[in-house]
Amino acid sequence: MQPNIVIWNDGGDRADLRWVGTEGGWIGETNWSLLNATGDVPFEMLHYGVENGDSWVPGEVNTSIRPEWFYHPGEDTKVKTLPQLMDTWYNSVGRNATFLLNFPIMPNGLIHPNDEKAALDLAAAVKEAFAENLVKNAKAEASDTRGNSRKFRASNAIDEKNDTFWATDDEVKTASLTIDFSKPTTFNRFLAQEYIRLGQRVKALQLKRRLTETGRNWQKQQPSGINESCDSQRLRPQSYVSILPIRKRVR
């Protein structure tokens, strides 16, 4: 048996991954990586997970790069376009799920060149979209820091390291992180992640921008509206906006 593999199953004994209830290429906008260890798993649980579940069973979004799962020459011109594939990527990976893309194999055992090109274009587009991290040189401040410790300071949230994180004291249920770019900055994507080794705990996220350089008024930034659900990874594409500092509010 191959070591470190993951097994897909959501019926009977829970495995490592679950189906998300559809092969359309998306998962629920609220996606908890938990299920209960026993009991039936209806569509709502498959698609959204179980917030207080007792078993770690993340969702796997599976879909085909063509209309069907098996190869048909008549579908050689029906391969999903780059916008379609990017939409699937945002609605799977961007919603805290893994992404499994099916390639129908031709009778000669190869992937059709059209399918290959579409997949390579997707990889290049994702790489280009996230080539620049705009918060890399920004400053971060938090409304609360766990034990006032440098180990959990606000800057950990933007230091590009997977083993550091910002945290609040246990009794704090709602907190904000303010990121200051020092000058108006334009961006069109926002990525928020949790330190997942401690589990999935952030329940909602709100993104705001400050309206003036010296003012105290903050405006909610769409589409990340008030009380929007948040996953262990939340990635939002949106229209380009030019902002001063932004404030992320989590609960």
Foldseek 3Di string as FASTA:
>chain_A
DDPPDWDEDDPDAHTAAYEQQDQQQAADLAAFQAAARDDDQDNVCSRHNDPPHDDRHAYEHHYEQFPDQADDVVGLVRGDALVSVVVSCCRAVQRRHHYHYGFHADPVRHGDPSNVVRVVVNVVVVCVQPVDDLLCPWDKQKPAFAVPDPQQGLVQQRPPDLPGYHDGHPVDQKMKMKIFSVDWDKHFKDKGADSPVVHWDWFAKWKWFDDDPPDDDIDTDPPRHPRRGGTNMHMDGGDIDIGGMMMMMID
